[in-house]
């Protein structure tokens, strides 16, 4: 499937800000047998005094900008064309939990794709006993790792309500779990904490979701903004499986990957600092338009 993507992120400040440095992660990845970035650009206004591009540890392109002069607003725009391959769920070749532990112990690589980065606590995700207990209630004896992941994905979709006003970007999984409400970031974080509590490596995926549904299909939750879902390591044979707990579906050709990480902190679309005081207002608009390939 061929897509045209456009995104606008705008920030306005009560008092002009200065000395602003931001790191922007918005361009989709090119992934073998999954998706290809045909063309893409990021523009920033006001014009940046300094601008550099680099590849971070997890292989995502990041753009660093510096704006020295005072400015009342910041506009970031991304345009891209992406080809996404059709994907489907294959046969379940994942092991049971006990065997997964052995396979993980035998996995020696610590490169960007290593499941060792996706275990235990991470910057935004502490161990949460209440979520661990929730995960244990869902697991049935004899289930494979993929069956467990699918079960937790379905349960979160059933038990939680999508509510864009219930949480903020810094809401913890513990608080979102208590509310049983939130957005895709919250549901992904809760699912990651639940899986890690069982010893299953799981990470955060940042990306976009098709805005216009196919004929006869319902519009998916979270399609007006950047989306998030979960990457689960299902053993050496099967590798990674991506699941979307917000919509209770496997990630497919409607899901466009921007970046992989341990949690939101590794893939935040914009992160940085500036000199100023007062409040800021933010807006975000996303369009993911399918084209005839």
Protein backbone atom coordinates (compact mmCIF):
# COMPACT_ATOMS: atom_id res chain seq x y z
CA UNK A 1 0.00 0.00 0.00
CA UNK A 2 1.29 3.45 -0.95
CA UNK A 3 0.65 6.36 1.41
CA UNK A 4 1.12 10.11 1.47
CA UNK A 5 1.70 11.37 5.00
CA UNK A 6 1.47 14.91 6.31
CA UNK A 7 1.86 16.11 9.88
CA UNK A 8 1.78 19.52 11.50
CA UNK A 9 2.88 20.08 15.09
CA UNK A 10 2.49 23.65 16.33
CA UNK A 11 3.50 25.27 19.62
CA UNK A 12 2.57 28.79 20.73
CA UNK A 13 4.10 30.45 23.80
CA UNK A 14 2.59 33.01 26.19
CA UNK A 15 5.96 34.77 26.21
CA UNK A 16 8.52 34.51 23.39
CA UNK A 17 10.95 31.62 23.93
CA UNK A 18 14.64 31.63 23.00
CA UNK A 19 17.66 29.34 23.09
CA UNK A 20 15.47 26.43 22.02
CA UNK A 21 17.00 23.10 21.09
CA UNK A 22 14.73 20.29 19.94
CA UNK A 23 15.24 16.74 18.67
CA UNK A 24 12.59 15.68 16.15
CA UNK A 25 11.74 12.07 15.31
CA UNK A 26 8.97 12.03 12.73
CA UNK A 27 10.16 10.42 9.48
CA UNK A 28 9.03 6.82 8.87
CA UNK A 29 11.68 4.10 8.79
CA UNK A 30 12.70 1.97 5.83
CA UNK A 31 12.40 -1.65 6.98
CA UNK A 32 13.28 -4.76 4.94
CA UNK A 33 10.16 -6.61 3.73
CA UNK A 34 7.96 -4.20 5.71
CA UNK A 35 8.02 -0.61 4.49
CA UNK A 36 10.07 1.78 2.36
CA UNK A 37 10.41 5.52 2.76
CA UNK A 38 10.31 6.80 -0.82
CA UNK A 39 10.71 10.49 0.04
CA UNK A 40 10.38 12.60 3.14
CA UNK A 41 11.13 16.03 4.56
CA UNK A 42 10.92 17.94 7.82
CA UNK A 43 10.60 21.72 7.89
CA UNK A 44 10.84 23.96 10.94
CA UNK A 45 9.71 27.56 11.36
CA UNK A 46 11.21 29.92 12.35
CA UNK A 47 14.31 28.92 10.39
CA UNK A 48 16.77 27.03 12.60
CA UNK A 49 20.18 28.59 13.31
CA UNK A 50 21.69 25.11 13.48
CA UNK A 51 20.36 21.84 12.11
CA UNK A 52 21.89 18.36 12.12
CA UNK A 53 20.59 14.89 11.31
CA UNK A 54 21.73 11.67 12.97
CA UNK A 55 20.70 8.04 13.44
CA UNK A 56 19.98 7.08 17.05
CA UNK A 57 20.79 3.76 18.74
CA UNK A 58 17.54 2.12 17.63
CA UNK A 59 18.12 3.11 13.99
CA UNK A 60 15.70 6.02 13.81
CA UNK A 61 16.56 9.22 11.95
CA UNK A 62 16.50 12.24 14.24
CA UNK A 63 16.82 15.93 13.43
CA UNK A 64 18.33 18.32 15.97
CA UNK A 65 17.53 22.04 15.63
CA UNK A 66 18.65 25.16 17.51
CA UNK A 67 16.69 28.43 17.49
CA UNK A 68 18.61 31.19 19.29
CA UNK A 69 16.35 34.21 18.72
CA UNK A 70 13.10 34.83 20.63
CA UNK A 71 10.06 33.34 18.88
CA UNK A 72 6.37 33.28 19.75
CA UNK A 73 5.60 29.99 18.02
CA UNK A 74 7.23 26.89 16.60
CA UNK A 75 5.89 25.06 13.56
CA UNK A 76 7.12 21.58 12.59
CA UNK A 77 5.87 19.96 9.40
CA UNK A 78 6.59 16.51 7.99
CA UNK A 79 5.75 15.26 4.51
CA UNK A 80 6.47 11.73 3.34
CA UNK A 81 5.55 9.06 0.83
CA UNK A 82 5.80 5.49 2.11
CA UNK A 83 5.24 2.05 0.61
CA UNK A 84 3.99 -0.48 3.17
CA UNK A 85 3.96 -4.20 2.39
CA UNK A 86 0.87 -6.24 3.24
CA UNK A 87 1.46 -8.35 6.33
CA UNK A 88 -0.47 -11.20 7.90
CA UNK A 89 -0.24 -13.32 11.02
CA UNK A 90 1.80 -16.46 10.37
CA UNK A 91 1.71 -19.83 12.12
CA UNK A 92 2.46 -19.65 15.83
CA UNK A 93 6.05 -20.85 16.26
CA UNK A 94 6.56 -19.15 19.61
CA UNK A 95 7.56 -21.19 22.68
CA UNK A 96 5.95 -21.45 26.08
CA UNK A 97 7.24 -19.11 28.80
CA UNK A 98 9.74 -21.52 30.35
CA UNK A 99 11.39 -22.16 26.99
CA UNK A 100 11.41 -18.44 26.17
CA UNK A 101 13.49 -17.83 29.28
CA UNK A 102 16.08 -20.32 28.03
CA UNK A 103 16.10 -18.79 24.54
CA UNK A 104 16.58 -15.31 25.97
CA UNK A 105 19.50 -16.52 28.10
CA UNK A 106 21.12 -17.97 24.97
CA UNK A 107 20.67 -14.73 22.99
CA UNK A 108 24.05 -12.99 23.16
CA UNK A 109 23.57 -9.98 20.90
CA UNK A 110 22.99 -6.56 22.43
CA UNK A 111 22.53 -4.65 19.17
CA UNK A 112 19.52 -2.42 18.53
CA UNK A 113 17.23 -5.37 17.74
CA UNK A 114 18.17 -7.35 20.85
CA UNK A 115 15.28 -8.38 23.13
CA UNK A 116 17.51 -7.76 26.15
CA UNK A 117 16.76 -4.03 25.83
CA UNK A 118 13.05 -4.76 26.27
CA UNK A 119 13.08 -6.50 29.65
CA UNK A 120 12.76 -5.09 33.17
CA UNK A 121 12.24 -1.40 33.89
CA UNK A 122 12.98 1.40 31.40
CA UNK A 123 12.99 5.22 31.73
CA UNK A 124 9.20 5.63 31.61
CA UNK A 125 8.17 2.16 32.78
CA UNK A 126 8.71 1.01 36.34
CA UNK A 127 7.67 -2.42 37.55
CA UNK A 128 4.04 -2.21 38.70
CA UNK A 129 2.75 -5.04 40.95
CA UNK A 130 -0.91 -4.23 40.18
CA UNK A 131 -0.30 -4.59 36.42
CA UNK A 132 1.76 -7.73 36.99
CA UNK A 133 -1.14 -9.27 38.92
CA UNK A 134 -3.51 -8.29 36.08
CA UNK A 135 -1.24 -10.05 33.57
CA UNK A 136 -1.05 -13.23 35.65
CA UNK A 137 -4.85 -13.41 35.76
CA UNK A 138 -5.00 -13.45 31.95
CA UNK A 139 -2.39 -16.16 31.34
CA UNK A 140 -3.58 -19.76 31.03
CA UNK A 141 -1.39 -22.86 31.50
CA UNK A 142 0.27 -24.17 28.35
CA UNK A 143 -0.13 -20.99 26.32
CA UNK A 144 2.56 -19.93 23.90
CA UNK A 145 4.17 -16.50 24.14
CA UNK A 146 2.16 -15.22 21.18
CA UNK A 147 -1.07 -16.54 22.68
CA UNK A 148 -0.26 -14.71 25.91
CA UNK A 149 0.49 -11.48 24.05
CA UNK A 150 -2.73 -11.73 22.03
CA UNK A 151 -4.69 -12.42 25.21
CA UNK A 152 -3.30 -9.39 27.03
CA UNK A 153 -3.86 -7.22 23.94
CA UNK A 154 -7.52 -8.29 23.74
CA UNK A 155 -8.07 -7.84 27.48
CA UNK A 156 -6.70 -4.29 27.50
CA UNK A 157 -8.93 -3.42 24.55
CA UNK A 158 -11.93 -4.84 26.43
CA UNK A 159 -11.21 -3.36 29.85
CA UNK A 160 -10.03 0.14 28.87
CA UNK A 161 -11.82 3.06 27.21
CA UNK A 162 -10.20 5.31 24.61
CA UNK A 163 -10.45 8.84 26.04
CA UNK A 164 -8.15 11.57 24.74
CA UNK A 165 -8.98 13.84 27.70
CA UNK A 166 -8.28 11.34 30.48
CA UNK A 167 -4.47 11.38 30.47
CA UNK A 168 -1.47 13.54 29.59
CA UNK A 169 1.78 12.66 27.83
CA UNK A 170 3.50 12.13 31.21
CA UNK A 171 0.73 10.02 32.80
CA UNK A 172 2.24 6.87 34.32
CA UNK A 173 1.03 3.37 33.42
CA UNK A 174 -0.04 2.93 37.04
CA UNK A 175 -2.34 5.96 36.87
CA UNK A 176 -3.75 5.05 33.45
CA UNK A 177 -4.37 1.51 34.73
CA UNK A 178 -6.28 2.93 37.71
CA UNK A 179 -8.41 5.13 35.45
CA UNK A 180 -9.02 2.34 32.90
CA UNK A 181 -8.98 5.15 30.34
CA UNK A 182 -6.43 6.80 28.09
CA UNK A 183 -4.94 6.84 24.62
CA UNK A 184 -2.70 4.60 22.54
CA UNK A 185 0.45 5.61 24.47
CA UNK A 186 -1.17 4.54 27.75
CA UNK A 187 -2.46 1.22 26.39
CA UNK A 188 0.92 0.41 24.83
CA UNK A 189 2.76 1.21 28.06
CA UNK A 190 0.37 -0.91 30.16
CA UNK A 191 0.72 -3.85 27.77
CA UNK A 192 4.52 -3.56 27.81
CA UNK A 193 4.64 -3.51 31.61
CA UNK A 194 2.28 -6.52 31.75
CA UNK A 195 4.37 -8.57 29.31
CA UNK A 196 7.69 -7.69 30.91
CA UNK A 197 6.31 -8.72 34.31
CA UNK A 198 5.92 -12.22 32.85
CA UNK A 199 9.46 -12.25 31.44
CA UNK A 200 8.38 -11.51 27.85
CA UNK A 201 10.48 -8.81 26.12
CA UNK A 202 8.24 -6.02 24.84
CA UNK A 203 8.88 -2.57 23.43
CA UNK A 204 7.20 0.57 22.16
CA UNK A 205 6.44 1.32 18.50
CA UNK A 206 5.75 4.88 17.37
CA UNK A 207 4.10 5.53 14.04
CA UNK A 208 1.06 6.50 12.05
CA UNK A 209 -2.27 4.82 11.42
CA UNK A 210 -4.28 5.00 8.22
CA UNK A 211 -6.71 7.92 8.46
CA UNK A 212 -9.20 6.82 5.79
CA UNK A 213 -10.49 3.27 6.38
CA UNK A 214 -11.08 0.84 3.52
CA UNK A 215 -14.68 0.66 2.24
CA UNK A 216 -16.94 -1.07 4.71
CA UNK A 217 -14.43 -0.86 7.58
CA UNK A 218 -14.78 1.23 10.74
CA UNK A 219 -12.34 4.03 11.39
CA UNK A 220 -9.66 2.99 13.88
CA UNK A 221 -9.05 4.80 17.16
CA UNK A 222 -6.06 7.15 17.22
CA UNK A 223 -5.96 7.89 13.50
CA UNK A 224 -5.92 11.70 13.87
CA UNK A 225 -2.56 11.81 15.65
CA UNK A 226 0.60 9.79 15.92
CA UNK A 227 -0.12 6.26 17.03
CA UNK A 228 1.59 3.73 19.30
CA UNK A 229 1.54 -0.03 19.57
CA UNK A 230 3.64 -2.87 21.01
CA UNK A 231 6.50 -5.03 19.76
CA UNK A 232 6.74 -8.46 21.40
CA UNK A 233 9.69 -10.85 21.14
CA UNK A 234 8.28 -14.34 20.60
CA UNK A 235 11.52 -16.35 20.63
CA UNK A 236 14.37 -16.95 18.20
CA UNK A 237 12.29 -18.76 15.57
CA UNK A 238 9.39 -16.32 15.38
CA UNK A 239 11.14 -13.09 16.28
CA UNK A 240 9.04 -9.97 16.82
CA UNK A 241 5.27 -9.64 16.54
CA UNK A 242 3.57 -6.22 16.63
CA UNK A 243 0.16 -5.81 18.27
CA UNK A 244 -2.12 -2.78 18.62
CA UNK A 245 -4.00 -2.91 21.96
CA UNK A 246 -5.93 0.30 21.19
CA UNK A 247 -7.75 -1.51 18.38
CA UNK A 248 -7.05 -5.17 19.32
CA UNK A 249 -5.44 -6.00 15.99
CA UNK A 250 -2.01 -7.09 14.76
CA UNK A 251 -0.07 -4.24 13.20
CA UNK A 252 -0.54 -4.50 9.44
CA UNK A 253 -0.38 -2.43 6.28
CA UNK A 254 -2.37 0.37 7.96
CA UNK A 255 0.42 0.81 10.54
CA UNK A 256 3.41 2.90 9.44
CA UNK A 257 6.48 2.63 11.68
CA UNK A 258 8.41 5.75 12.69
CA UNK A 259 10.54 4.26 15.44
CA UNK A 260 11.20 1.47 17.93
CA UNK A 261 12.24 1.90 21.56
CA UNK A 262 11.92 0.71 25.12
CA UNK A 263 9.11 3.18 25.84
CA UNK A 264 7.85 6.59 24.74
CA UNK A 265 11.02 8.35 25.93
CA UNK A 266 13.06 6.68 23.16
CA UNK A 267 10.72 7.75 20.34
CA UNK A 268 9.10 11.01 21.47
CA UNK A 269 8.26 12.99 18.29
CA UNK A 270 9.71 16.21 19.73
CA UNK A 271 11.87 16.57 22.82
CA UNK A 272 14.08 19.42 23.96
CA UNK A 273 14.43 22.55 26.06
CA UNK A 274 14.07 26.31 25.74
CA UNK A 275 14.37 29.54 27.73
CA UNK A 276 11.07 31.11 28.68
CA UNK A 277 8.22 31.22 31.16
CA UNK A 278 4.46 31.00 31.12
CA UNK A 279 2.40 28.38 29.35
CA UNK A 280 2.49 26.87 25.89
CA UNK A 281 -0.28 25.50 23.72
CA UNK A 282 0.22 22.62 21.31
CA UNK A 283 -1.74 21.38 18.30
CA UNK A 284 -1.22 18.34 16.11
CA UNK A 285 -2.82 17.35 12.81
CA UNK A 286 -2.11 14.16 10.87
CA UNK A 287 -3.26 12.89 7.49
CA UNK A 288 -2.43 9.40 6.21
CA UNK A 289 -3.85 9.14 2.70
CA UNK A 290 -3.74 5.85 0.75
CA UNK A 291 -2.80 6.17 -2.92
CA UNK A 292 -3.16 3.85 -5.87
CA UNK A 293 0.22 2.15 -6.25
